[in-house]
PDB file of N, CA and C in Angstrom:
ATOM      1  N   UNK A   1      -1.007  55.084 211.339  1.00  0.00           N
ATOM      2  CA  UNK A   1      -2.241  55.093 210.587  1.00  0.00           C
ATOM      3  C   UNK A   1      -2.440  53.719 209.955  1.00  0.00           C
ATOM      4  N   UNK A   2      -3.503  53.012 210.299  1.00  0.00           N
ATOM      5  CA  UNK A   2      -3.764  51.684 209.729  1.00  0.00           C
ATOM      6  C   UNK A   2      -3.960  51.745 208.208  1.00  0.00           C
ATOM      7  N   UNK A   3      -3.376  50.761 207.545  1.00  0.00           N
ATOM      8  CA  UNK A   3      -3.478  50.653 206.088  1.00  0.00           C
ATOM      9  C   UNK A   3      -3.811  49.214 205.726  1.00  0.00           C
ATOM     10  N   UNK A   4      -4.439  49.051 204.562  1.00  0.00           N
ATOM     11  CA  UNK A   4      -4.752  47.705 204.080  1.00  0.00           C
ATOM     12  C   UNK A   4      -4.739  47.689 202.560  1.00  0.00           C
ATOM     13  N   UNK A   5      -4.477  46.518 202.030  1.00  0.00           N
ATOM     14  CA  UNK A   5      -4.656  46.249 200.608  1.00  0.00           C
ATOM     15  C   UNK A   5      -5.926  45.417 200.503  1.00  0.00           C
ATOM     16  N   UNK A   6      -6.850  45.850 199.653  1.00  0.00           N
ATOM     17  CA  UNK A   6      -8.118  45.140 199.488  1.00  0.00           C
ATOM     18  C   UNK A   6      -8.180  44.604 198.058  1.00  0.00           C
ATOM     19  N   UNK A   7      -8.294  43.290 197.946  1.00  0.00           N
ATOM     20  CA  UNK A   7      -8.451  42.626 196.647  1.00  0.00           C
ATOM     21  C   UNK A   7      -9.936  42.439 196.403  1.00  0.00           C
ATOM     22  N   UNK A   8     -10.393  42.858 195.232  1.00  0.00           N
ATOM     23  CA  UNK A   8     -11.835  42.917 194.962  1.00  0.00           C
ATOM     24  C   UNK A   8     -12.180  42.141 193.703  1.00  0.00           C
ATOM     25  N   UNK A   9     -13.205  41.291 193.807  1.00  0.00           N
ATOM     26  CA  UNK A   9     -13.818  40.653 192.640  1.00  0.00           C
ATOM     27  C   UNK A   9     -15.114  41.374 192.330  1.00  0.00           C
ATOM     28  N   UNK A  10     -15.337  41.633 191.039  1.00  0.00           N
ATOM     29  CA  UNK A  10     -16.553  42.314 190.603  1.00  0.00           C
ATOM     30  C   UNK A  10     -17.343  41.410 189.657  1.00  0.00           C
ATOM     31  N   UNK A  11     -18.574  41.822 189.383  1.00  0.00           N
ATOM     32  CA  UNK A  11     -19.320  41.159 188.312  1.00  0.00           C
ATOM     33  C   UNK A  11     -18.546  41.350 187.009  1.00  0.00           C
ATOM     34  N   UNK A  12     -18.701  40.438 186.077  1.00  0.00           N
ATOM     35  CA  UNK A  12     -18.003  40.525 184.792  1.00  0.00           C
ATOM     36  C   UNK A  12     -18.379  41.830 184.087  1.00  0.00           C
ATOM     37  N   UNK A  13     -17.348  42.557 183.684  1.00  0.00           N
ATOM     38  CA  UNK A  13     -17.556  43.805 182.955  1.00  0.00           C
ATOM     39  C   UNK A  13     -17.825  45.022 183.820  1.00  0.00           C
ATOM     40  N   UNK A  14     -17.826  44.862 185.144  1.00  0.00           N
ATOM     41  CA  UNK A  14     -18.161  45.977 186.037  1.00  0.00           C
ATOM     42  C   UNK A  14     -16.929  46.633 186.662  1.00  0.00           C
ATOM     43  N   UNK A  15     -15.755  46.271 186.204  1.00  0.00           N
ATOM     44  CA  UNK A  15     -14.530  46.762 186.825  1.00  0.00           C
ATOM     45  C   UNK A  15     -14.443  48.293 186.809  1.00  0.00           C
ATOM     46  N   UNK A  16     -14.668  48.884 185.684  1.00  0.00           N
ATOM     47  CA  UNK A  16     -14.560  50.348 185.546  1.00  0.00           C
ATOM     48  C   UNK A  16     -15.589  51.063 186.426  1.00  0.00           C
ATOM     49  N   UNK A  17     -16.796  50.542 186.456  1.00  0.00           N
ATOM     50  CA  UNK A  17     -17.857  51.122 187.284  1.00  0.00           C
ATOM     51  C   UNK A  17     -17.496  51.076 188.772  1.00  0.00           C
ATOM     52  N   UNK A  18     -16.987  49.944 189.219  1.00  0.00           N
ATOM     53  CA  UNK A  18     -16.590  49.809 190.619  1.00  0.00           C
ATOM     54  C   UNK A  18     -15.387  50.696 190.915  1.00  0.00           C
ATOM     55  N   UNK A  19     -14.421  50.758 190.002  1.00  0.00           N
ATOM     56  CA  UNK A  19     -13.257  51.621 190.186  1.00  0.00           C
ATOM     57  C   UNK A  19     -13.680  53.078 190.351  1.00  0.00           C
ATOM     58  N   UNK A  20     -14.633  53.529 189.548  1.00  0.00           N
ATOM     59  CA  UNK A  20     -15.134  54.901 189.659  1.00  0.00           C
ATOM     60  C   UNK A  20     -15.764  55.153 191.025  1.00  0.00           C
ATOM     61  N   UNK A  21     -16.509  54.188 191.528  1.00  0.00           N
ATOM     62  CA  UNK A  21     -17.138  54.353 192.841  1.00  0.00           C
ATOM     63  C   UNK A  21     -16.096  54.341 193.961  1.00  0.00           C
ATOM     64  N   UNK A  22     -15.066  53.518 193.817  1.00  0.00           N
ATOM     65  CA  UNK A  22     -13.992  53.491 194.809  1.00  0.00           C
ATOM     66  C   UNK A  22     -13.283  54.838 194.880  1.00  0.00           C
ATOM     67  N   UNK A  23     -13.132  55.485 193.747  1.00  0.00           N
ATOM     68  CA  UNK A  23     -12.407  56.762 193.717  1.00  0.00           C
ATOM     69  C   UNK A  23     -13.127  57.852 194.509  1.00  0.00           C
ATOM     70  N   UNK A  24     -14.406  57.659 194.788  1.00  0.00           N
ATOM     71  CA  UNK A  24     -15.179  58.633 195.559  1.00  0.00           C
ATOM     72  C   UNK A  24     -15.230  58.322 197.054  1.00  0.00           C
ATOM     73  N   UNK A  25     -14.640  57.214 197.477  1.00  0.00           N
ATOM     74  CA  UNK A  25     -14.709  56.820 198.883  1.00  0.00           C
ATOM     75  C   UNK A  25     -13.547  57.407 199.678  1.00  0.00           C
ATOM     76  N   UNK A  26     -13.870  57.993 200.815  1.00  0.00           N
ATOM     77  CA  UNK A  26     -12.849  58.482 201.733  1.00  0.00           C
ATOM     78  C   UNK A  26     -12.028  57.299 202.231  1.00  0.00           C
ATOM     79  N   UNK A  27     -10.732  57.457 202.239  1.00  0.00           N
ATOM     80  CA  UNK A  27      -9.852  56.402 202.724  1.00  0.00           C
ATOM     81  C   UNK A  27      -9.245  55.553 201.634  1.00  0.00           C
ATOM     82  N   UNK A  28      -9.859  55.528 200.445  1.00  0.00           N
ATOM     83  CA  UNK A  28      -9.281  54.778 199.334  1.00  0.00           C
ATOM     84  C   UNK A  28      -8.235  55.679 198.687  1.00  0.00           C
ATOM     85  N   UNK A  29      -6.962  55.330 198.860  1.00  0.00           N
ATOM     86  CA  UNK A  29      -5.852  56.170 198.403  1.00  0.00           C
ATOM     87  C   UNK A  29      -5.410  55.839 196.989  1.00  0.00           C
ATOM     88  N   UNK A  30      -5.518  54.571 196.607  1.00  0.00           N
ATOM     89  CA  UNK A  30      -5.147  54.117 195.270  1.00  0.00           C
ATOM     90  C   UNK A  30      -6.030  52.936 194.914  1.00  0.00           C
ATOM     91  N   UNK A  31      -6.303  52.790 193.614  1.00  0.00           N
ATOM     92  CA  UNK A  31      -7.061  51.616 193.155  1.00  0.00           C
ATOM     93  C   UNK A  31      -6.670  51.330 191.709  1.00  0.00           C
ATOM     94  N   UNK A  32      -6.558  50.050 191.396  1.00  0.00           N
ATOM     95  CA  UNK A  32      -6.093  49.615 190.082  1.00  0.00           C
ATOM     96  C   UNK A  32      -6.968  48.491 189.555  1.00  0.00           C
ATOM     97  N   UNK A  33      -7.299  48.526 188.291  1.00  0.00           N
ATOM     98  CA  UNK A  33      -7.893  47.365 187.621  1.00  0.00           C
ATOM     99  C   UNK A  33      -6.717  46.471 187.237  1.00  0.00           C
ATOM    100  N   UNK A  34      -6.820  45.179 187.562  1.00  0.00           N
ATOM    101  CA  UNK A  34      -5.730  44.241 187.306  1.00  0.00           C
ATOM    102  C   UNK A  34      -6.258  42.990 186.614  1.00  0.00           C
ATOM    103  N   UNK A  35      -5.351  42.244 186.019  1.00  0.00           N
ATOM    104  CA  UNK A  35      -5.675  40.936 185.472  1.00  0.00           C
ATOM    105  C   UNK A  35      -5.280  39.882 186.496  1.00  0.00           C
ATOM    106  N   UNK A  36      -5.985  38.794 186.515  1.00  0.00           N
ATOM    107  CA  UNK A  36      -5.645  37.708 187.424  1.00  0.00           C
ATOM    108  C   UNK A  36      -6.861  37.246 188.194  1.00  0.00           C
ATOM    109  N   UNK A  37      -6.629  36.701 189.367  1.00  0.00           N
ATOM    110  CA  UNK A  37      -7.697  36.157 190.198  1.00  0.00           C
ATOM    111  C   UNK A  37      -8.646  37.260 190.651  1.00  0.00           C
ATOM    112  N   UNK A  38      -8.100  38.461 190.918  1.00  0.00           N
ATOM    113  CA  UNK A  38      -8.917  39.592 191.371  1.00  0.00           C
ATOM    114  C   UNK A  38      -9.025  40.614 190.251  1.00  0.00           C
ATOM    115  N   UNK A  39     -10.047  41.450 190.331  1.00  0.00           N
ATOM    116  CA  UNK A  39     -10.306  42.443 189.295  1.00  0.00           C
ATOM    117  C   UNK A  39      -9.765  43.828 189.646  1.00  0.00           C
ATOM    118  N   UNK A  40      -9.766  44.150 190.937  1.00  0.00           N
ATOM    119  CA  UNK A  40      -9.314  45.458 191.400  1.00  0.00           C
ATOM    120  C   UNK A  40      -8.483  45.269 192.663  1.00  0.00           C
ATOM    121  N   UNK A  41      -7.426  46.065 192.780  1.00  0.00           N
ATOM    122  CA  UNK A  41      -6.617  46.129 193.996  1.00  0.00           C
ATOM    123  C   UNK A  41      -6.704  47.563 194.500  1.00  0.00           C
ATOM    124  N   UNK A  42      -7.051  47.732 195.781  1.00  0.00           N
ATOM    125  CA  UNK A  42      -7.181  49.065 196.361  1.00  0.00           C
ATOM    126  C   UNK A  42      -6.324  49.179 197.612  1.00  0.00           C
ATOM    127  N   UNK A  43      -5.719  50.353 197.785  1.00  0.00           N
ATOM    128  CA  UNK A  43      -4.998  50.660 199.015  1.00  0.00           C
ATOM    129  C   UNK A  43      -5.889  51.575 199.837  1.00  0.00           C
ATOM    130  N   UNK A  44      -6.127  51.185 201.083  1.00  0.00           N
ATOM    131  CA  UNK A  44      -7.047  51.922 201.956  1.00  0.00           C
ATOM    132  C   UNK A  44      -6.298  52.344 203.218  1.00  0.00           C
ATOM    133  N   UNK A  45      -6.530  53.594 203.648  1.00  0.00           N
ATOM    134  CA  UNK A  45      -5.953  54.106 204.887  1.00  0.00           C
ATOM    135  C   UNK A  45      -7.054  54.726 205.727  1.00  0.00           C
ATOM    136  N   UNK A  46      -6.895  54.662 207.051  1.00  0.00           N
ATOM    137  CA  UNK A  46      -7.879  55.260 207.953  1.00  0.00           C
ATOM    138  C   UNK A  46      -7.178  55.714 209.223  1.00  0.00           C
ATOM    139  N   UNK A  47      -7.872  56.522 209.991  1.00  0.00           N
ATOM    140  CA  UNK A  47      -7.305  57.041 211.239  1.00  0.00           C
ATOM    141  C   UNK A  47      -7.192  55.966 212.316  1.00  0.00           C
ATOM    142  N   UNK A  48      -8.117  55.014 212.301  1.00  0.00           N
ATOM    143  CA  UNK A  48      -8.117  53.936 213.294  1.00  0.00           C
ATOM    144  C   UNK A  48      -8.424  52.614 212.599  1.00  0.00           C
ATOM    145  N   UNK A  49      -8.127  51.532 213.300  1.00  0.00           N
ATOM    146  CA  UNK A  49      -8.457  50.206 212.770  1.00  0.00           C
ATOM    147  C   UNK A  49      -9.960  50.043 212.630  1.00  0.00           C
ATOM    148  N   UNK A  50     -10.706  50.585 213.576  1.00  0.00           N
ATOM    149  CA  UNK A  50     -12.170  50.501 213.512  1.00  0.00           C
ATOM    150  C   UNK A  50     -12.703  51.227 212.275  1.00  0.00           C
ATOM    151  N   UNK A  51     -12.148  52.384 211.949  1.00  0.00           N
ATOM    152  CA  UNK A  51     -12.567  53.136 210.763  1.00  0.00           C
ATOM    153  C   UNK A  51     -12.180  52.378 209.498  1.00  0.00           C
ATOM    154  N   UNK A  52     -11.017  51.740 209.504  1.00  0.00           N
ATOM    155  CA  UNK A  52     -10.591  50.934 208.359  1.00  0.00           C
ATOM    156  C   UNK A  52     -11.576  49.791 208.125  1.00  0.00           C
ATOM    157  N   UNK A  53     -11.957  49.126 209.201  1.00  0.00           N
ATOM    158  CA  UNK A  53     -12.944  48.041 209.119  1.00  0.00           C
ATOM    159  C   UNK A  53     -14.258  48.551 208.545  1.00  0.00           C
ATOM    160  N   UNK A  54     -14.687  49.725 208.987  1.00  0.00           N
ATOM    161  CA  UNK A  54     -15.949  50.306 208.512  1.00  0.00           C
ATOM    162  C   UNK A  54     -15.883  50.631 207.019  1.00  0.00           C
ATOM    163  N   UNK A  55     -14.753  51.134 206.550  1.00  0.00           N
ATOM    164  CA  UNK A  55     -14.603  51.445 205.123  1.00  0.00           C
ATOM    165  C   UNK A  55     -14.758  50.179 204.293  1.00  0.00           C
ATOM    166  N   UNK A  56     -14.103  49.102 204.737  1.00  0.00           N
ATOM    167  CA  UNK A  56     -14.157  47.858 203.963  1.00  0.00           C
ATOM    168  C   UNK A  56     -15.533  47.214 204.047  1.00  0.00           C
ATOM    169  N   UNK A  57     -16.057  47.039 205.260  1.00  0.00           N
ATOM    170  CA  UNK A  57     -17.304  46.275 205.418  1.00  0.00           C
ATOM    171  C   UNK A  57     -18.554  47.067 205.061  1.00  0.00           C
ATOM    172  N   UNK A  58     -18.576  48.342 205.375  1.00  0.00           N
ATOM    173  CA  UNK A  58     -19.809  49.112 205.161  1.00  0.00           C
ATOM    174  C   UNK A  58     -19.814  49.926 203.880  1.00  0.00           C
ATOM    175  N   UNK A  59     -18.649  50.099 203.282  1.00  0.00           N
ATOM    176  CA  UNK A  59     -18.611  50.903 202.058  1.00  0.00           C
ATOM    177  C   UNK A  59     -18.175  50.095 200.842  1.00  0.00           C
ATOM    178  N   UNK A  60     -16.962  49.542 200.886  1.00  0.00           N
ATOM    179  CA  UNK A  60     -16.468  48.819 199.705  1.00  0.00           C
ATOM    180  C   UNK A  60     -17.330  47.602 199.412  1.00  0.00           C
ATOM    181  N   UNK A  61     -17.627  46.788 200.410  1.00  0.00           N
ATOM    182  CA  UNK A  61     -18.407  45.565 200.182  1.00  0.00           C
ATOM    183  C   UNK A  61     -19.855  45.851 199.781  1.00  0.00           C
ATOM    184  N   UNK A  62     -20.329  47.055 200.042  1.00  0.00           N
ATOM    185  CA  UNK A  62     -21.715  47.396 199.694  1.00  0.00           C
ATOM    186  C   UNK A  62     -21.841  48.070 198.323  1.00  0.00           C
ATOM    187  N   UNK A  63     -20.721  48.273 197.636  1.00  0.00           N
ATOM    188  CA  UNK A  63     -20.784  48.828 196.284  1.00  0.00           C
ATOM    189  C   UNK A  63     -21.479  47.808 195.391  1.00  0.00           C
ATOM    190  N   UNK A  64     -22.486  48.259 194.643  1.00  0.00           N
ATOM    191  CA  UNK A  64     -23.142  47.326 193.720  1.00  0.00           C
ATOM    192  C   UNK A  64     -22.114  46.709 192.766  1.00  0.00           C
ATOM    193  N   UNK A  65     -22.265  45.456 192.480  1.00  0.00           N
ATOM    194  CA  UNK A  65     -21.439  44.671 191.570  1.00  0.00           C
ATOM    195  C   UNK A  65     -20.104  44.237 192.160  1.00  0.00           C
ATOM    196  N   UNK A  66     -19.858  44.496 193.454  1.00  0.00           N
ATOM    197  CA  UNK A  66     -18.713  43.894 194.139  1.00  0.00           C
ATOM    198  C   UNK A  66     -19.161  42.519 194.596  1.00  0.00           C
ATOM    199  N   UNK A  67     -18.478  41.493 194.143  1.00  0.00           N
ATOM    200  CA  UNK A  67     -18.856  40.121 194.476  1.00  0.00           C
ATOM    201  C   UNK A  67     -18.179  39.628 195.745  1.00  0.00           C
ATOM    202  N   UNK A  68     -16.900  39.972 195.920  1.00  0.00           N
ATOM    203  CA  UNK A  68     -16.183  39.537 197.115  1.00  0.00           C
ATOM    204  C   UNK A  68     -14.940  40.404 197.312  1.00  0.00           C
ATOM    205  N   UNK A  69     -14.420  40.357 198.550  1.00  0.00           N
ATOM    206  CA  UNK A  69     -13.184  41.073 198.856  1.00  0.00           C
ATOM    207  C   UNK A  69     -12.289  40.189 199.719  1.00  0.00           C
ATOM    208  N   UNK A  70     -11.007  40.502 199.678  1.00  0.00           N
ATOM    209  CA  UNK A  70     -10.024  39.897 200.565  1.00  0.00           C
ATOM    210  C   UNK A  70      -9.166  41.043 201.076  1.00  0.00           C
ATOM    211  N   UNK A  71      -9.148  41.233 202.396  1.00  0.00           N
ATOM    212  CA  UNK A  71      -8.437  42.359 202.983  1.00  0.00           C
ATOM    213  C   UNK A  71      -7.166  41.890 203.671  1.00  0.00           C
ATOM    214  N   UNK A  72      -6.066  42.568 203.356  1.00  0.00           N
ATOM    215  CA  UNK A  72      -4.777  42.278 203.969  1.00  0.00           C
ATOM    216  C   UNK A  72      -4.334  43.533 204.713  1.00  0.00           C
ATOM    217  N   UNK A  73      -4.316  43.462 206.034  1.00  0.00           N
ATOM    218  CA  UNK A  73      -3.880  44.582 206.861  1.00  0.00           C
ATOM    219  C   UNK A  73      -2.354  44.699 206.753  1.00  0.00           C
ATOM    220  N   UNK A  74      -1.861  45.886 206.487  1.00  0.00           N
ATOM    221  CA  UNK A  74      -0.420  46.114 206.368  1.00  0.00           C
ATOM    222  C   UNK A  74       0.164  46.252 207.779  1.00  0.00           C
ATOM    223  N   UNK A  75       1.202  45.469 208.066  1.00  0.00           N
ATOM    224  CA  UNK A  75       1.813  45.521 209.398  1.00  0.00           C
ATOM    225  C   UNK A  75       3.186  46.195 209.383  1.00  0.00           C
ATOM    226  N   UNK A  76       3.800  46.293 208.218  1.00  0.00           N
ATOM    227  CA  UNK A  76       5.100  46.964 208.114  1.00  0.00           C
ATOM    228  C   UNK A  76       5.239  47.537 206.715  1.00  0.00           C
ATOM    229  N   UNK A  77       5.814  48.726 206.627  1.00  0.00           N
ATOM    230  CA  UNK A  77       5.989  49.393 205.340  1.00  0.00           C
ATOM    231  C   UNK A  77       7.460  49.712 205.141  1.00  0.00           C
ATOM    232  N   UNK A  78       7.935  49.497 203.948  1.00  0.00           N
ATOM    233  CA  UNK A  78       9.289  49.882 203.576  1.00  0.00           C
ATOM    234  C   UNK A  78       9.229  50.464 202.172  1.00  0.00           C
ATOM    235  N   UNK A  79       9.720  51.675 202.005  1.00  0.00           N
ATOM    236  CA  UNK A  79       9.753  52.318 200.696  1.00  0.00           C
ATOM    237  C   UNK A  79      11.003  51.841 199.978  1.00  0.00           C
ATOM    238  N   UNK A  80      10.813  51.299 198.794  1.00  0.00           N
ATOM    239  CA  UNK A  80      11.939  50.789 197.993  1.00  0.00           C
ATOM    240  C   UNK A  80      12.238  51.764 196.874  1.00  0.00           C
ATOM    241  N   UNK A  81      13.479  51.894 196.559  1.00  0.00           N
ATOM    242  CA  UNK A  81      13.848  52.814 195.472  1.00  0.00           C
ATOM    243  C   UNK A  81      14.152  52.062 194.205  1.00  0.00           C
TER     244      UNK A  81
END
């Protein structure tokens, strides 16, 4: 199952609003408001790479007040204890 980490910049003060909208999107498994260069970090999963692309480009990037995104496709996973 394809997975990605999506780093999101929002308009100033819109972090909570964007986080709420992300929580309603299919495929968004986790999302966090963070400090630093990006405002929100989201973990996204989909059945196919094409569906993952559609979630990022047609849904996340179209949320009002999302200024930019950076998507990192996960190629290997290791659970650490």
